[in-house]
């Protein structure tokens, strides 16, 4: 079964969720590194043939790195709106910041959790 046909509880394909796009971006970064690494070693900075080989390798692998960056940006933007994250169980902790008017947070004698309990 292909990854795009496997769906989550909300019915959205797993590949188009934030974790799926992050995995695809990581695979593209690994592919880019595997294309550039053979041209990088042995390191001969002053050799014109090595410079041309390295420039060609970077040029040929650039689309993979750029596509990986684009997918990573899309995954970051999709993250808060991810259907898998929206269906989180109700037992998951909700991290709420204390209100700005809670003056007890500035006191070093009271730690932050005690401050949030006192502000309620």
C-alpha atoms as a PDB file:
ATOM      1  CA  UNK A   1       0.000   0.000   0.000  1.00  0.00           C
ATOM      2  CA  UNK A   2       1.458   3.379  -0.949  1.00  0.00           C
ATOM      3  CA  UNK A   3       1.916   6.078   1.707  1.00  0.00           C
ATOM      4  CA  UNK A   4      -0.470   8.449  -0.058  1.00  0.00           C
ATOM      5  CA  UNK A   5      -3.335   5.936   0.088  1.00  0.00           C
ATOM      6  CA  UNK A   6      -2.917   5.403   3.832  1.00  0.00           C
ATOM      7  CA  UNK A   7      -5.047   8.010   5.560  1.00  0.00           C
ATOM      8  CA  UNK A   8      -5.264   9.267   9.079  1.00  0.00           C
ATOM      9  CA  UNK A   9      -8.341   9.347  11.269  1.00  0.00           C
ATOM     10  CA  UNK A  10      -9.473  12.650   9.775  1.00  0.00           C
ATOM     11  CA  UNK A  11      -9.312  11.326   6.214  1.00  0.00           C
ATOM     12  CA  UNK A  12      -6.376  13.473   5.064  1.00  0.00           C
ATOM     13  CA  UNK A  13      -3.510  11.642   3.326  1.00  0.00           C
ATOM     14  CA  UNK A  14      -0.520  11.086   5.599  1.00  0.00           C
ATOM     15  CA  UNK A  15       1.965  12.249   2.958  1.00  0.00           C
ATOM     16  CA  UNK A  16       0.415  15.728   2.865  1.00  0.00           C
ATOM     17  CA  UNK A  17       0.544  16.188   6.619  1.00  0.00           C
ATOM     18  CA  UNK A  18       3.318  18.159   8.315  1.00  0.00           C
ATOM     19  CA  UNK A  19       5.235  15.053   9.505  1.00  0.00           C
ATOM     20  CA  UNK A  20       4.961  13.473   6.049  1.00  0.00           C
ATOM     21  CA  UNK A  21       6.300  16.565   4.309  1.00  0.00           C
ATOM     22  CA  UNK A  22       9.112  16.798   6.856  1.00  0.00           C
ATOM     23  CA  UNK A  23      10.162  13.230   6.095  1.00  0.00           C
ATOM     24  CA  UNK A  24      10.150  13.907   2.345  1.00  0.00           C
ATOM     25  CA  UNK A  25      12.246  17.059   2.935  1.00  0.00           C
ATOM     26  CA  UNK A  26      14.731  15.052   5.000  1.00  0.00           C
ATOM     27  CA  UNK A  27      15.026  12.472   2.215  1.00  0.00           C
ATOM     28  CA  UNK A  28      15.736  15.261  -0.285  1.00  0.00           C
ATOM     29  CA  UNK A  29      18.433  16.705   1.993  1.00  0.00           C
ATOM     30  CA  UNK A  30      20.066  13.286   2.287  1.00  0.00           C
ATOM     31  CA  UNK A  31      19.926  12.924  -1.494  1.00  0.00           C
ATOM     32  CA  UNK A  32      21.597  16.323  -1.913  1.00  0.00           C
ATOM     33  CA  UNK A  33      24.318  15.392   0.573  1.00  0.00           C
ATOM     34  CA  UNK A  34      24.911  12.081  -1.198  1.00  0.00           C
ATOM     35  CA  UNK A  35      25.346  13.921  -4.502  1.00  0.00           C
ATOM     36  CA  UNK A  36      27.731  16.560  -3.131  1.00  0.00           C
ATOM     37  CA  UNK A  37      29.848  14.380  -0.808  1.00  0.00           C
ATOM     38  CA  UNK A  38      31.696  12.410  -3.522  1.00  0.00           C
ATOM     39  CA  UNK A  39      32.749  15.646  -5.228  1.00  0.00           C
ATOM     40  CA  UNK A  40      33.859  17.196  -1.943  1.00  0.00           C
ATOM     41  CA  UNK A  41      36.412  14.548  -1.008  1.00  0.00           C
ATOM     42  CA  UNK A  42      39.415  14.565  -1.385  1.00  0.00           C
ATOM     43  CA  UNK A  43      39.539  18.248  -0.533  1.00  0.00           C
ATOM     44  CA  UNK A  44      41.758  20.106  -3.041  1.00  0.00           C
ATOM     45  CA  UNK A  45      40.807  23.751  -2.782  1.00  0.00           C
ATOM     46  CA  UNK A  46      43.412  25.064  -5.255  1.00  0.00           C
ATOM     47  CA  UNK A  47      42.903  22.424  -7.973  1.00  0.00           C
ATOM     48  CA  UNK A  48      40.823  23.866 -10.867  1.00  0.00           C
ATOM     49  CA  UNK A  49      39.451  20.435 -11.782  1.00  0.00           C
ATOM     50  CA  UNK A  50      38.213  19.922  -8.212  1.00  0.00           C
ATOM     51  CA  UNK A  51      36.615  23.388  -8.230  1.00  0.00           C
ATOM     52  CA  UNK A  52      34.773  22.628 -11.466  1.00  0.00           C
ATOM     53  CA  UNK A  53      33.675  19.218 -10.194  1.00  0.00           C
ATOM     54  CA  UNK A  54      32.408  20.768  -6.952  1.00  0.00           C
ATOM     55  CA  UNK A  55      30.592  23.589  -8.743  1.00  0.00           C
ATOM     56  CA  UNK A  56      28.922  21.096 -11.077  1.00  0.00           C
ATOM     57  CA  UNK A  57      27.899  18.893  -8.194  1.00  0.00           C
ATOM     58  CA  UNK A  58      26.401  21.823  -6.273  1.00  0.00           C
ATOM     59  CA  UNK A  59      24.597  23.053  -9.378  1.00  0.00           C
ATOM     60  CA  UNK A  60      23.179  19.638 -10.230  1.00  0.00           C
ATOM     61  CA  UNK A  61      22.069  18.931  -6.658  1.00  0.00           C
ATOM     62  CA  UNK A  62      20.632  22.379  -5.914  1.00  0.00           C
ATOM     63  CA  UNK A  63      17.050  21.536  -6.997  1.00  0.00           C
ATOM     64  CA  UNK A  64      16.876  18.747  -4.409  1.00  0.00           C
ATOM     65  CA  UNK A  65      18.029  21.035  -1.606  1.00  0.00           C
ATOM     66  CA  UNK A  66      15.710  23.856  -2.675  1.00  0.00           C
ATOM     67  CA  UNK A  67      12.723  21.529  -2.955  1.00  0.00           C
ATOM     68  CA  UNK A  68      13.557  20.165   0.492  1.00  0.00           C
ATOM     69  CA  UNK A  69      13.645  23.679   1.910  1.00  0.00           C
ATOM     70  CA  UNK A  70      10.317  24.508   0.267  1.00  0.00           C
ATOM     71  CA  UNK A  71       8.679  21.351   1.644  1.00  0.00           C
ATOM     72  CA  UNK A  72      10.084  22.071   5.091  1.00  0.00           C
ATOM     73  CA  UNK A  73       8.602  25.580   4.963  1.00  0.00           C
ATOM     74  CA  UNK A  74       5.227  24.195   3.875  1.00  0.00           C
ATOM     75  CA  UNK A  75       5.366  21.649   6.686  1.00  0.00           C
ATOM     76  CA  UNK A  76       6.091  24.411   9.197  1.00  0.00           C
ATOM     77  CA  UNK A  77       3.159  26.457   7.933  1.00  0.00           C
ATOM     78  CA  UNK A  78       0.885  23.416   7.826  1.00  0.00           C
ATOM     79  CA  UNK A  79       1.922  22.319  11.327  1.00  0.00           C
ATOM     80  CA  UNK A  80      -0.616  24.309  13.368  1.00  0.00           C
ATOM     81  CA  UNK A  81      -3.370  23.383  10.911  1.00  0.00           C
ATOM     82  CA  UNK A  82      -2.382  19.735  10.574  1.00  0.00           C
ATOM     83  CA  UNK A  83      -5.422  17.419  10.751  1.00  0.00           C
ATOM     84  CA  UNK A  84      -3.435  14.910  12.797  1.00  0.00           C
ATOM     85  CA  UNK A  85      -2.591  17.573  15.359  1.00  0.00           C
ATOM     86  CA  UNK A  86      -6.187  18.827  15.516  1.00  0.00           C
ATOM     87  CA  UNK A  87      -7.386  15.362  16.516  1.00  0.00           C
ATOM     88  CA  UNK A  88      -5.088  15.239  19.543  1.00  0.00           C
ATOM     89  CA  UNK A  89      -6.658  13.529  22.547  1.00  0.00           C
ATOM     90  CA  UNK A  90      -8.380  15.711  25.120  1.00  0.00           C
ATOM     91  CA  UNK A  91      -6.037  14.338  27.783  1.00  0.00           C
ATOM     92  CA  UNK A  92      -3.075  16.129  26.148  1.00  0.00           C
ATOM     93  CA  UNK A  93      -1.771  18.932  28.354  1.00  0.00           C
ATOM     94  CA  UNK A  94      -2.594  22.453  27.297  1.00  0.00           C
ATOM     95  CA  UNK A  95       0.272  24.850  27.870  1.00  0.00           C
ATOM     96  CA  UNK A  96      -1.144  28.247  28.687  1.00  0.00           C
ATOM     97  CA  UNK A  97       0.925  31.282  29.512  1.00  0.00           C
ATOM     98  CA  UNK A  98      -0.015  33.256  32.606  1.00  0.00           C
ATOM     99  CA  UNK A  99      -1.858  36.522  31.981  1.00  0.00           C
ATOM    100  CA  UNK A 100       0.371  39.569  31.559  1.00  0.00           C
ATOM    101  CA  UNK A 101      -1.213  41.193  34.610  1.00  0.00           C
ATOM    102  CA  UNK A 102       0.112  38.446  36.919  1.00  0.00           C
ATOM    103  CA  UNK A 103       2.697  40.378  38.875  1.00  0.00           C
ATOM    104  CA  UNK A 104       3.755  37.315  40.858  1.00  0.00           C
ATOM    105  CA  UNK A 105       5.675  35.996  37.830  1.00  0.00           C
ATOM    106  CA  UNK A 106       8.283  38.686  38.229  1.00  0.00           C
ATOM    107  CA  UNK A 107       9.013  37.564  41.764  1.00  0.00           C
ATOM    108  CA  UNK A 108      12.009  35.197  41.952  1.00  0.00           C
ATOM    109  CA  UNK A 109      10.629  33.624  45.136  1.00  0.00           C
ATOM    110  CA  UNK A 110       7.695  32.004  43.302  1.00  0.00           C
ATOM    111  CA  UNK A 111       8.359  29.672  40.362  1.00  0.00           C
ATOM    112  CA  UNK A 112       6.324  29.918  37.181  1.00  0.00           C
ATOM    113  CA  UNK A 113       3.809  27.048  37.832  1.00  0.00           C
ATOM    114  CA  UNK A 114       2.947  28.463  41.268  1.00  0.00           C
ATOM    115  CA  UNK A 115       2.494  31.832  39.659  1.00  0.00           C
ATOM    116  CA  UNK A 116      -0.014  30.493  37.127  1.00  0.00           C
ATOM    117  CA  UNK A 117      -1.982  28.785  39.939  1.00  0.00           C
ATOM    118  CA  UNK A 118      -2.049  31.973  41.971  1.00  0.00           C
ATOM    119  CA  UNK A 119      -3.229  34.059  39.024  1.00  0.00           C
ATOM    120  CA  UNK A 120      -6.352  31.947  38.561  1.00  0.00           C
END
